[in-house]
Protein backbone atom coordinates (compact mmCIF):
# COMPACT_ATOMS: atom_id res chain seq x y z
CA MET A 1 0.00 0.00 0.00
CA THR A 2 1.34 3.40 -0.93
CA ALA A 3 1.11 6.09 1.73
CA VAL A 4 -0.79 9.22 0.87
CA LEU A 5 1.38 12.02 2.15
CA VAL A 6 -0.35 15.36 2.23
CA ARG A 7 1.69 18.48 1.71
CA PRO A 8 0.64 21.20 4.19
CA GLN A 9 -0.87 24.21 2.45
CA ARG A 10 1.21 27.32 2.74
CA ALA A 11 0.20 30.89 2.55
CA ALA A 12 1.11 32.75 -0.61
CA PRO A 13 4.57 34.31 -0.41
CA ALA A 14 4.65 37.94 0.51
CA ALA A 15 6.26 40.52 -1.71
CA ALA A 16 8.92 41.11 0.91
CA PRO A 17 10.08 39.09 3.94
CA SER A 18 7.77 39.62 6.89
CA ARG A 19 9.12 41.43 9.91
CA ALA A 20 6.64 39.63 12.16
CA PRO A 21 8.95 36.75 13.20
CA ARG A 22 11.74 39.11 14.19
CA LEU A 23 9.40 41.45 16.02
CA LEU A 24 7.79 38.47 17.76
CA PHE A 25 11.18 37.15 18.84
CA ALA A 26 12.29 40.57 20.11
CA ALA A 27 9.06 41.19 22.03
CA VAL A 28 9.00 37.75 23.66
CA LEU A 29 12.72 37.96 24.50
CA ALA A 30 12.18 41.33 26.20
CA CYS A 31 9.32 39.82 28.20
CA TYR A 32 11.34 36.79 29.28
CA LEU A 33 14.37 38.90 30.20
CA ALA A 34 12.14 41.14 32.31
CA VAL A 35 10.74 38.13 34.16
CA GLY A 36 14.28 36.79 34.62
CA ALA A 37 15.51 40.14 35.94
CA VAL A 38 12.75 40.20 38.53
CA LEU A 39 13.64 36.69 39.68
CA VAL A 40 17.43 37.11 39.69
CA PHE A 41 17.92 40.70 40.81
CA GLY A 42 14.71 41.14 42.76
CA PHE A 43 14.54 37.81 44.58
CA ASP A 44 17.99 36.21 44.13
CA SER A 45 16.34 33.26 42.42
CA ILE A 46 18.56 31.04 40.28
CA MET A 47 18.57 27.26 39.90
CA GLU A 48 21.58 25.23 41.06
CA ASP A 49 22.34 23.72 37.66
CA ALA A 50 22.13 27.10 35.94
CA LEU A 51 24.58 28.78 38.33
CA SER A 52 26.89 25.77 38.14
CA ARG A 53 27.10 25.99 34.34
CA VAL A 54 27.89 29.71 34.49
CA ALA A 55 30.65 29.00 37.01
CA ALA A 56 32.07 26.27 34.76
CA ALA A 57 32.09 28.54 31.72
CA SER A 58 33.77 31.28 33.76
CA SER A 59 36.44 28.86 35.02
CA VAL A 60 37.64 28.33 31.46
CA TRP A 61 39.05 31.87 31.63
CA TRP A 62 39.21 32.63 35.34
CA SER A 63 40.84 29.84 37.32
CA ALA A 64 44.22 28.74 38.59
CA ASP A 65 44.42 26.33 35.65
CA PRO A 66 42.38 27.92 32.84
CA LYS A 67 41.45 25.50 30.05
CA LEU A 68 38.49 24.49 27.92
CA ALA A 69 38.11 21.23 29.86
CA ALA A 70 36.80 23.26 32.81
CA ILE A 71 33.33 23.13 31.23
CA GLY A 72 33.20 19.54 32.50
CA TYR A 73 32.15 16.24 30.93
CA VAL A 74 29.27 15.12 33.14
CA TRP A 75 26.71 17.30 31.40
CA THR A 76 26.36 18.40 27.80
CA PRO A 77 28.80 21.06 26.56
CA LEU A 78 26.63 23.38 24.47
CA PRO A 79 25.16 25.58 27.26
CA ALA A 80 28.59 26.33 28.73
CA LEU A 81 30.12 26.83 25.27
CA LEU A 82 27.44 29.34 24.33
CA MET A 83 28.11 31.32 27.51
CA LEU A 84 31.88 31.02 27.20
CA PRO A 85 32.49 34.13 25.02
CA PHE A 86 30.62 36.33 27.50
CA THR A 87 32.08 35.22 30.83
CA PRO A 88 35.17 37.48 30.54
CA LEU A 89 32.72 40.35 30.95
CA ARG A 90 32.66 39.47 34.65
CA ALA A 91 35.69 41.76 34.96
CA ALA A 92 33.41 44.73 34.23
CA TRP A 93 30.15 43.31 35.60
CA PRO A 94 30.75 40.61 38.25
CA GLU A 95 27.00 40.02 38.73
CA LEU A 96 26.82 38.58 35.21
CA VAL A 97 28.43 35.45 36.65
CA SER A 98 27.88 35.65 40.41
CA THR A 99 24.07 35.85 40.13
CA GLY A 100 23.78 33.39 37.25
CA TRP A 101 22.27 36.12 35.03
CA LEU A 102 24.22 34.90 32.00
CA ALA A 103 22.39 31.57 32.13
CA VAL A 104 19.07 33.44 32.24
CA VAL A 105 20.03 35.40 29.12
CA LEU A 106 20.68 32.08 27.38
CA SER A 107 17.45 30.41 28.49
CA ALA A 108 15.39 33.50 27.65
CA THR A 109 16.91 33.71 24.17
CA ALA A 110 16.33 30.01 23.53
CA MET A 111 12.73 30.13 24.74
CA ALA A 112 12.01 33.24 22.67
CA GLY A 113 13.43 31.29 19.75
CA SER A 114 11.06 28.44 20.57
CA VAL A 115 8.09 30.80 20.40
CA ALA A 116 9.25 32.21 17.06
CA VAL A 117 9.85 28.74 15.61
CA LEU A 118 6.39 27.56 16.73
CA HIS A 119 4.88 30.58 15.01
CA GLY A 120 6.81 29.63 11.87
CA ILE A 121 5.52 26.05 12.04
CA LEU A 122 1.96 27.32 12.22
CA ALA A 123 2.60 29.60 9.25
CA ASP A 124 4.04 26.69 7.24
CA LEU A 125 0.88 24.71 8.02
CA ALA A 126 -1.26 27.61 6.75
CA VAL A 127 -3.02 27.98 10.09
CA ARG A 128 -5.25 31.05 9.90
CA PRO A 129 -3.67 34.18 11.43
CA SER A 130 -6.14 34.51 14.30
CA VAL A 131 -5.61 30.88 15.30
CA ARG A 132 -1.88 31.10 14.74
CA TRP A 133 -1.47 34.08 17.05
CA THR A 134 -3.76 32.57 19.67
CA VAL A 135 -1.65 29.41 19.82
CA THR A 136 1.60 31.36 19.78
CA VAL A 137 0.66 33.82 22.53
CA LEU A 138 -0.87 31.21 24.84
CA PHE A 139 2.18 29.00 24.38
CA ALA A 140 4.52 31.91 25.17
CA LEU A 141 2.56 32.79 28.33
CA GLN A 142 2.23 29.24 29.63
CA PRO A 143 3.53 29.45 33.24
CA VAL A 144 6.00 26.59 32.94
CA ILE A 145 7.31 28.07 29.69
CA LEU A 146 7.70 31.40 31.48
CA VAL A 147 9.53 29.78 34.39
CA TYR A 148 11.99 27.93 32.18
CA SER A 149 12.62 30.97 30.04
CA ALA A 150 13.75 32.85 33.13
CA ASN A 151 15.54 30.38 35.39
CA GLY A 152 18.67 29.66 33.33
CA MET A 153 18.03 25.94 32.87
CA THR A 154 18.66 24.03 29.62
CA GLU A 155 15.08 22.90 28.88
CA ALA A 156 14.61 25.95 26.63
CA LEU A 157 17.74 25.17 24.63
CA LEU A 158 16.60 21.60 24.01
CA MET A 159 13.11 22.83 23.13
CA VAL A 160 14.24 25.28 20.46
CA CYS A 161 16.42 22.59 18.84
CA LEU A 162 13.56 20.07 18.82
CA LEU A 163 11.03 22.60 17.54
CA ALA A 164 13.36 23.75 14.76
CA ALA A 165 14.05 20.13 13.78
CA THR A 166 10.30 19.43 13.86
CA ARG A 167 9.68 22.31 11.48
CA ARG A 168 12.13 20.87 8.97
CA LEU A 169 10.76 17.36 9.35
CA LEU A 170 7.20 18.62 8.88
CA ARG A 171 8.24 20.24 5.61
CA TRP A 172 9.84 16.99 4.48
CA ALA A 173 6.96 14.79 5.63
CA GLY A 174 4.45 17.04 3.87
CA GLY A 175 6.25 16.63 0.56
CA SER A 176 5.19 14.17 -2.12
CA ASP A 177 8.42 13.62 -4.00
CA ASP A 178 12.09 12.91 -3.52
CA SER A 179 13.32 16.37 -4.44
CA GLY A 180 16.59 17.91 -3.42
CA ALA A 181 14.70 20.46 -1.36
CA ASP A 182 13.28 17.66 0.77
CA GLY A 183 16.81 16.30 1.26
CA THR A 184 17.89 19.71 2.43
CA GLN A 185 15.15 19.65 5.06
CA LEU A 186 16.51 16.35 6.38
CA VAL A 187 20.07 17.67 6.47
CA VAL A 188 19.04 20.70 8.52
CA ALA A 189 16.80 18.61 10.78
CA GLY A 190 19.67 16.20 11.41
CA LEU A 191 22.06 19.02 12.28
CA LEU A 192 19.52 20.50 14.68
CA LEU A 193 19.02 17.16 16.41
CA GLY A 194 22.79 16.75 16.71
CA LEU A 195 22.98 20.22 18.22
CA GLY A 196 20.14 19.24 20.53
CA TYR A 197 22.18 16.30 21.82
CA LEU A 198 24.95 18.70 22.79
CA ALA A 199 22.33 20.73 24.67
CA ARG A 200 20.71 17.82 26.54
CA TYR A 201 21.24 14.09 26.31
CA GLU A 202 17.53 13.34 25.78
CA ALA A 203 17.83 14.62 22.21
CA ILE A 204 19.53 11.37 21.15
CA VAL A 205 16.20 9.61 21.71
CA ALA A 206 14.40 12.18 19.55
CA ALA A 207 17.05 11.72 16.86
CA ALA A 208 16.57 7.94 16.93
CA ALA A 209 12.78 8.27 16.72
CA ALA A 210 13.00 10.83 13.92
CA THR A 211 15.37 8.57 11.99
CA GLY A 212 12.98 5.64 12.35
CA LEU A 213 10.08 7.77 11.13
CA VAL A 214 12.04 9.10 8.16
CA VAL A 215 13.12 5.60 7.16
CA ALA A 216 9.52 4.34 7.36
CA VAL A 217 8.06 7.25 5.39
CA SER A 218 10.85 7.15 2.83
CA ALA A 219 10.30 3.43 2.30
CA LEU A 220 6.61 4.06 1.63
CA ARG A 221 7.23 7.09 -0.56
CA ALA A 222 10.19 5.93 -2.67
CA PRO A 223 9.29 4.23 -5.96
CA ARG A 224 10.09 0.56 -6.23
CA GLY A 225 13.29 -0.20 -8.01
CA ALA A 226 17.00 -0.82 -7.62
CA ARG A 227 17.63 2.57 -5.98
CA ARG A 228 14.86 2.29 -3.39
CA GLY A 229 17.09 0.86 -0.68
CA ALA A 230 19.78 3.47 -1.29
CA THR A 231 17.20 6.26 -1.14
CA VAL A 232 15.76 5.01 2.16
CA LEU A 233 19.21 4.53 3.66
CA GLY A 234 20.33 7.95 2.48
CA ASP A 235 17.32 9.69 4.00
CA GLY A 236 17.88 7.90 7.28
CA LEU A 237 21.55 8.87 7.37
CA LEU A 238 20.79 12.50 6.56
CA VAL A 239 18.63 12.91 9.65
CA GLY A 240 20.34 10.46 12.01
CA LEU A 241 24.05 10.78 11.30
CA PRO A 242 24.72 14.22 12.87
CA ALA A 243 23.35 13.13 16.26
CA ALA A 244 25.28 9.86 16.03
CA VAL A 245 28.47 11.77 15.26
CA ALA A 246 27.83 14.18 18.14
CA PHE A 247 27.28 11.20 20.46
CA VAL A 248 30.51 9.46 19.40
CA VAL A 249 32.71 12.56 19.28
CA TRP A 250 31.59 13.79 22.72
CA ALA A 251 32.18 10.32 24.17
CA ILE A 252 35.67 10.14 22.63
CA VAL A 253 36.60 13.61 23.90
CA SER A 254 35.36 12.74 27.38
CA TRP A 255 37.28 9.45 27.31
CA ALA A 256 40.48 11.16 26.18
CA VAL A 257 40.32 13.92 28.80
CA VAL A 258 38.83 12.31 31.91
CA GLY A 259 39.15 8.60 31.16
CA SER A 260 35.43 7.82 30.82
CA PRO A 261 33.22 8.21 27.74
CA PHE A 262 30.02 8.56 29.76
CA GLU A 263 30.72 10.65 32.83
CA GLN A 264 27.02 11.20 33.44
CA PHE A 265 26.84 7.50 34.37
CA THR A 266 30.24 6.85 35.94
CA SER A 267 31.11 10.09 37.75
CA ILE A 268 30.12 10.81 41.34
CA TYR A 269 28.76 14.11 39.97
CA GLY A 270 26.61 12.38 37.34
CA ASN A 271 22.90 11.73 37.30
CA SER A 272 23.23 8.06 38.21
CA ALA A 273 25.12 8.86 41.42
CA LEU A 274 22.80 11.73 42.32
CA VAL A 275 19.69 9.61 41.83
CA ALA A 276 21.22 6.77 43.86
CA GLY A 277 21.72 9.16 46.75
CA GLY A 278 18.34 10.86 46.60
CA ARG A 279 14.62 10.32 46.24
CA THR A 280 13.43 9.52 42.73
CA GLY A 281 10.04 10.06 41.19
CA GLY A 282 6.80 8.39 42.18
CA GLY A 283 6.42 6.32 39.03
CA LEU A 284 3.82 6.71 36.30
CA ALA A 285 1.12 7.76 38.78
CA ALA A 286 3.05 10.92 39.69
CA VAL A 287 3.94 11.51 36.04
CA GLY A 288 0.26 11.20 35.11
CA GLU A 289 -0.67 13.80 37.71
CA GLN A 290 2.02 16.17 36.46
CA LEU A 291 0.83 15.80 32.88
CA LEU A 292 -2.81 16.23 33.85
CA TRP A 293 -2.03 19.56 35.54
CA LEU A 294 0.51 20.67 32.95
CA ALA A 295 -1.63 19.96 29.87
CA PRO A 296 -5.12 18.62 30.69
CA PRO A 297 -6.22 18.37 27.00
CA ALA A 298 -3.04 16.53 25.94
CA ALA A 299 -4.67 13.10 25.67
CA PRO A 300 -7.60 14.13 23.41
CA VAL A 301 -5.32 16.25 21.23
CA VAL A 302 -2.91 13.34 20.76
CA LEU A 303 -5.75 10.92 20.03
CA LEU A 304 -7.28 13.26 17.45
CA ALA A 305 -3.89 13.72 15.79
CA VAL A 306 -3.32 9.96 15.65
CA PHE A 307 -6.83 9.46 14.22
CA ARG A 308 -6.11 12.09 11.57
CA ALA A 309 -2.79 10.47 10.68
CA VAL A 310 -4.31 6.99 10.36
CA ARG A 311 -7.44 8.13 8.54
CA ARG A 312 -5.53 10.19 5.99
CA ARG A 313 -2.41 8.01 5.97
CA ASP A 314 -0.51 11.23 6.62
CA ALA A 315 2.96 11.30 8.18
CA VAL A 316 2.73 14.94 9.26
CA ALA A 317 1.10 14.29 12.65
CA ALA A 318 3.64 11.55 13.33
CA VAL A 319 6.52 14.05 13.33
CA PRO A 320 5.85 15.84 16.66
CA LEU A 321 4.74 12.55 18.18
CA ALA A 322 8.11 11.03 17.25
CA VAL A 323 10.27 14.00 18.27
CA PHE A 324 8.59 15.13 21.49
CA GLY A 325 6.76 11.93 22.34
CA SER A 326 9.97 9.90 22.29
CA VAL A 327 11.63 12.25 24.77
CA LEU A 328 8.64 12.08 27.09
CA ALA A 329 8.44 8.29 26.83
CA PHE A 330 12.16 7.96 27.54
CA GLU A 331 11.89 10.05 30.69
CA TRP A 332 8.79 8.14 31.82
CA ALA A 333 10.72 4.89 31.46
CA LEU A 334 13.63 6.26 33.50
CA ASN A 335 11.23 7.46 36.15
CA VAL A 336 9.58 4.05 36.46
CA ALA A 337 13.02 2.42 36.63
CA GLY A 338 14.00 4.70 39.53
CA SER A 339 16.75 6.33 37.46
CA LEU A 340 15.33 9.84 37.35
CA PHE A 341 14.15 12.43 39.83
CA GLY A 342 10.45 13.20 39.69
CA PHE A 343 10.90 16.83 38.68
CA LEU A 344 8.18 18.55 36.67
CA ARG A 345 10.67 19.84 34.12
CA TYR A 346 11.04 16.35 32.68
CA GLN A 347 7.45 16.66 31.41
CA ILE A 348 7.84 20.10 29.82
CA MET A 349 8.02 18.76 26.25
CA VAL A 350 4.31 17.97 26.40
CA VAL A 351 3.69 21.73 26.00
CA PRO A 352 5.25 22.09 22.52
CA LEU A 353 3.85 18.66 21.58
CA VAL A 354 0.28 19.83 22.22
CA ALA A 355 0.88 23.19 20.53
CA VAL A 356 2.26 21.65 17.33
CA LEU A 357 -0.40 18.93 17.17
CA LEU A 358 -3.08 21.55 17.69
CA GLY A 359 -1.61 23.51 14.78
CA ILE A 360 -1.74 20.39 12.59
CA LEU A 361 -5.37 19.75 13.52
CA LEU A 362 -6.28 23.36 12.71
CA ALA A 363 -4.12 23.52 9.59
CA GLY A 364 -4.98 23.68 5.93
CA GLY A 365 -5.80 20.56 3.99
CA GLY A 366 -9.56 20.36 4.29
CA THR A 367 -9.99 18.89 7.78
CA GLY A 368 -13.26 19.32 9.61
CA LEU A 369 -11.74 21.70 12.11
CA ARG A 370 -10.40 23.86 9.30
CA ARG A 371 -13.76 23.97 7.51
CA ALA A 372 -15.45 25.12 10.70
CA GLY A 373 -13.99 28.59 10.21
CA PRO A 374 -11.52 30.87 12.00
CA ALA A 375 -13.80 31.73 14.92
CA PHE A 376 -14.24 28.08 15.82
CA GLY A 377 -10.51 27.39 15.38
CA THR A 378 -9.59 30.33 17.59
CA ALA A 379 -12.06 29.17 20.23
CA VAL A 380 -10.63 25.63 20.15
CA ALA A 381 -7.06 26.94 20.49
CA ALA A 382 -8.05 29.26 23.32
CA ALA A 383 -9.91 26.49 25.14
CA VAL A 384 -7.11 23.92 24.84
CA LEU A 385 -4.14 26.14 25.63
CA GLY A 386 -6.06 28.43 27.98
CA THR A 387 -7.01 25.44 30.10
CA SER A 388 -3.37 24.40 30.22
CA LEU A 389 -2.31 27.90 31.18
CA VAL A 390 -4.68 28.04 34.16
CA SER A 391 -3.96 24.51 35.39
CA SER A 392 -0.19 25.00 35.04
CA ALA A 393 -0.38 28.16 37.12
CA ALA A 394 -2.21 26.22 39.82
CA LEU A 395 0.37 23.44 39.57
CA VAL A 396 3.34 25.77 40.04
CA LEU A 397 1.73 27.82 42.82
CA ASP A 398 -0.12 25.19 44.84
CA ARG A 399 1.26 21.70 44.24
CA PRO A 400 4.79 21.45 45.70
CA GLU A 401 4.61 17.66 45.75
CA LEU A 402 4.36 17.69 41.92
CA ALA A 403 6.37 20.84 41.11
CA SER A 404 8.85 21.22 43.95
CA GLN A 405 11.57 23.13 42.07
CA GLU A 406 9.13 25.57 40.54
CA TYR A 407 7.04 26.06 43.68
CA LEU A 408 10.06 26.88 45.85
CA ARG A 409 11.05 29.72 43.55
CA VAL A 410 7.79 31.02 42.10
CA ARG A 411 5.36 30.90 45.03
CA PRO A 412 7.49 33.19 47.28
CA VAL A 413 7.74 35.70 44.44
CA ALA A 414 3.98 35.60 43.86
CA ASN A 415 3.38 36.06 47.58
CA ALA A 416 5.72 39.05 47.74
CA LEU A 417 4.26 40.74 44.66
CA THR A 418 0.66 40.27 45.80
CA GLY A 419 1.31 40.93 49.49
CA THR A 420 -0.15 37.57 50.49
CA GLY A 421 1.25 34.54 52.26
CA GLY A 422 4.06 34.39 54.76
CA ALA A 423 7.66 35.47 54.75
CA ASP A 424 9.03 32.12 53.54
CA THR A 425 11.45 32.76 50.67
CA GLY A 426 11.56 29.11 49.60
CA ALA A 427 14.78 28.39 47.73
CA ASN A 428 15.29 32.01 46.73
CA GLY A 429 18.32 33.65 48.28
CA MET A 430 19.91 30.27 48.92
CA TRP A 431 23.33 31.45 47.72
CA ALA A 432 23.64 34.45 50.06
CA GLN A 433 26.15 32.83 52.41
CA ASP A 434 28.14 31.32 49.55
CA ARG A 435 28.68 34.89 48.35
CA ALA A 436 29.54 36.02 51.88
CA LEU A 437 32.13 33.24 52.08
CA ALA A 438 33.59 34.33 48.75
CA ALA A 439 33.86 37.94 49.99
CA TRP A 440 35.58 36.77 53.19
CA LEU A 441 38.14 34.79 51.21
CA ASP A 442 38.67 37.69 48.79
CA GLY A 443 39.57 39.87 51.76
CA LEU A 444 42.49 37.58 52.57
CA HIS A 445 44.17 38.38 49.21
CA LEU A 446 45.33 34.79 48.72
CA PRO A 447 47.65 33.59 45.95
CA PRO A 448 46.46 31.32 43.12
CA ALA A 449 45.52 27.70 43.89
CA SER A 450 45.62 28.17 47.67
CA VAL A 451 41.96 27.35 48.49
CA LEU A 452 40.89 23.78 47.84
CA ALA A 453 37.23 23.60 46.76
CA ASP A 454 35.16 20.99 44.97
CA THR A 455 33.02 22.85 42.45
CA GLY A 456 30.50 20.02 42.59
CA SER A 457 29.06 22.10 45.43
CA ALA A 458 31.32 25.19 45.71
CA PHE A 459 30.36 26.59 42.29
CA ALA A 460 28.43 29.50 43.83
CA VAL A 461 31.44 30.48 45.97
CA VAL A 462 33.77 30.41 42.97
CA ALA A 463 31.28 32.29 40.78
CA ALA A 464 30.90 35.04 43.39
CA SER A 465 34.59 35.54 44.07
CA ASP A 466 36.48 38.57 42.75
CA ASN A 467 39.59 36.41 42.82
CA PRO A 468 38.55 33.06 41.29
CA ARG A 469 42.19 32.11 40.67
CA GLN A 470 42.68 31.64 44.42
CA PHE A 471 40.74 28.35 44.17
CA LEU A 472 42.14 24.98 43.20
CA ILE A 473 39.01 23.40 41.74
CA THR A 474 37.91 20.00 40.50
CA SER A 475 38.86 20.55 36.85
CA ASP A 476 42.41 21.72 37.68
CA ASP A 477 45.19 19.23 37.01
CA GLY A 478 46.57 19.43 40.54
CA PHE A 479 43.26 18.95 42.34
CA ALA A 480 43.50 15.20 42.98
CA ALA A 481 47.03 15.39 44.37
CA ALA A 482 46.21 18.38 46.56
CA LEU A 483 43.07 16.66 47.83
CA ALA A 484 45.15 13.67 48.95
CA ASP A 485 47.83 15.83 50.62
CA PRO A 486 46.70 19.46 51.11
CA PRO A 487 49.65 20.62 53.28
CA GLY A 488 52.18 19.26 50.82
CA HIS A 489 50.70 21.14 47.86
CA GLY A 490 50.58 24.69 49.17
CA ILE A 491 46.93 24.66 50.18
CA ARG A 492 46.14 27.29 52.80
CA TYR A 493 42.40 26.75 53.21
CA LEU A 494 39.95 23.89 52.70
CA LEU A 495 36.28 24.48 51.96
CA ARG A 496 34.17 21.63 53.29
CA ASN A 497 30.48 21.42 52.46
CA GLU A 498 28.70 20.09 55.52
CA HIS A 499 25.38 19.20 53.93
CA GLY A 500 23.92 18.91 50.46
CA GLY A 501 25.60 18.49 47.12
CA VAL A 502 28.60 16.38 46.14
CA ASP A 503 31.86 17.27 47.88
CA THR A 504 35.02 15.19 47.66
CA VAL A 505 36.65 17.40 50.30
CA ARG A 506 33.98 16.32 52.76
CA ASN A 507 34.27 12.68 51.66
CA THR A 508 38.09 12.68 51.96
CA TRP A 509 38.47 14.75 55.12
CA ALA A 510 35.35 13.95 57.11
CA ASP A 511 37.44 13.61 60.30
CA LEU A 512 38.78 17.16 60.33
CA GLY A 513 38.41 18.61 63.83
CA THR A 514 38.01 15.23 65.53
CA PRO A 515 40.53 13.59 67.88
CA GLN A 516 41.22 11.00 65.20
CA GLY A 517 41.64 13.59 62.46
CA PRO A 518 44.76 15.32 61.15
CA THR A 519 46.39 18.01 63.25
CA TRP A 520 47.39 20.23 60.36
CA ALA A 521 44.00 21.95 60.00
CA ARG A 522 41.87 24.09 62.27
CA ARG A 523 38.38 25.43 61.68
CA VAL A 524 38.40 29.19 61.26
CA ALA A 525 34.95 30.02 59.88
CA VAL A 526 31.45 28.57 59.62
CA TYR A 527 28.82 29.54 57.06
CA PRO A 528 25.79 27.38 57.86
CA GLY A 529 23.76 28.45 54.84
CA ALA A 530 21.06 31.02 54.21
CA GLY A 531 18.19 28.56 54.47
CA PRO A 532 17.14 24.91 54.48
CA TRP A 533 17.94 24.52 50.79
CA SER A 534 21.42 26.07 51.01
CA TYR A 535 24.79 24.41 51.33
CA GLY A 536 26.58 24.80 54.65
CA TRP A 537 30.31 25.47 54.82
CA THR A 538 33.19 25.18 57.24
CA VAL A 539 36.54 26.74 56.41
CA TRP A 540 39.75 25.08 57.57
CA ALA A 541 43.11 26.83 57.76
CA LEU A 542 46.17 24.67 57.14
CA THR A 543 49.58 24.66 58.75
CA PRO A 544 52.18 24.93 55.96
CA ALA A 545 54.23 21.80 55.30
CA PRO A 546 57.71 21.88 56.91
């Protein structure tokens, strides 16, 4: 049976390129940066991972042993690499790094790009302007989208890569021939998926699913003959090879530098070790609750899209299901296996999934929803995404058991702005004493590599310091030797994290200050942390080696 592949109708080309996408991007970016500025500068709200990545990017330039390897090999390199050119600006504006603001600029830019790309997808599908703008605006204002545009995390960077790849794959899937233009769409989609893998590891699953879909569609679309197999194989390689190359090259680089190709699994700083030492998610029941609050109409929208795809034998609806659905399914499987924390952010890809599928259902091509007229389409879009907007707001503000990370940072801000609730600041301001510790150390005017600190937990201290070269940190070549014998390697002070995070100083020198411990160190300062979510520090002064 030959598949009937419907090409999405497109609006007639304008006489000149429209300024709308650029204006949309600029307006949304300004909005997201404003929200981020309120969080960061008004409430000292920045996520741990975001601040850690900024500190890593800064350490490439500003450390006792500056080198590119300071970005680390546990997590993906793209976020730190994108921030890398801007971290030297800390010399003129220290708060760019110390507050984590640079990470917020990156997440806001990526999320604004996601909004612009979604708008472009809807335009490609010939969704009527009123419907297109309704979907775009409600997507942009979705509370979880707002939060992850302004908190410096990498979800936005993955989302823009997946949405841009989806746009290219939709163009290819909507074609009816084997033209060179279609091949170009696959090339670009493949490059975007490879870039996505360097942003977050989940993208490799999306790349695999997209490759499988392309191979299946190509096999149905290609004419029978001697070249059919080569055509199918070529299409699959075009979309899948860049991500495979990114996977292999990053593994080889990691192996060559740190001795392990997959540090996220083998390192004590990796996700496997963190999950083993903490509480994971509550299985599919908790995931189902998160999805129900995050996008209540997701199930009917997906079912309608699948029905459309089967009824019309159309590959278009299968594209977002493959790209976003595979990522969601992968994270559900990890959650059930106890290999993933139950954080809400792992379900965020359901938001673009619903938005794109809704665009497909309301697109050109003679569907019933399209024939119903623009008023009905706008009402459907407003009902579906408006419901998600309201329920997501309730989720973030009132359901800490399902959205702990978001609740701890958003609810205190909402309380302060509305004058309601108590004085609990949640996790906001959690780095205040890390910055105080950095200022205290700066006042000692110490030489380079004289303060031993594991940036697995001391990243906020290093990021806040005006003298980051005073630290000997985890990525420095001499760290392991100095950790084993601090007095013999010119170390003057040890920073030991007393609770929270990963700290090899604490693991190695847990007996400091006890009768059984070494006599070459004495405790000289204590920074217990600004709140229950903060790290607590003790500072130990060393007696120089004879």
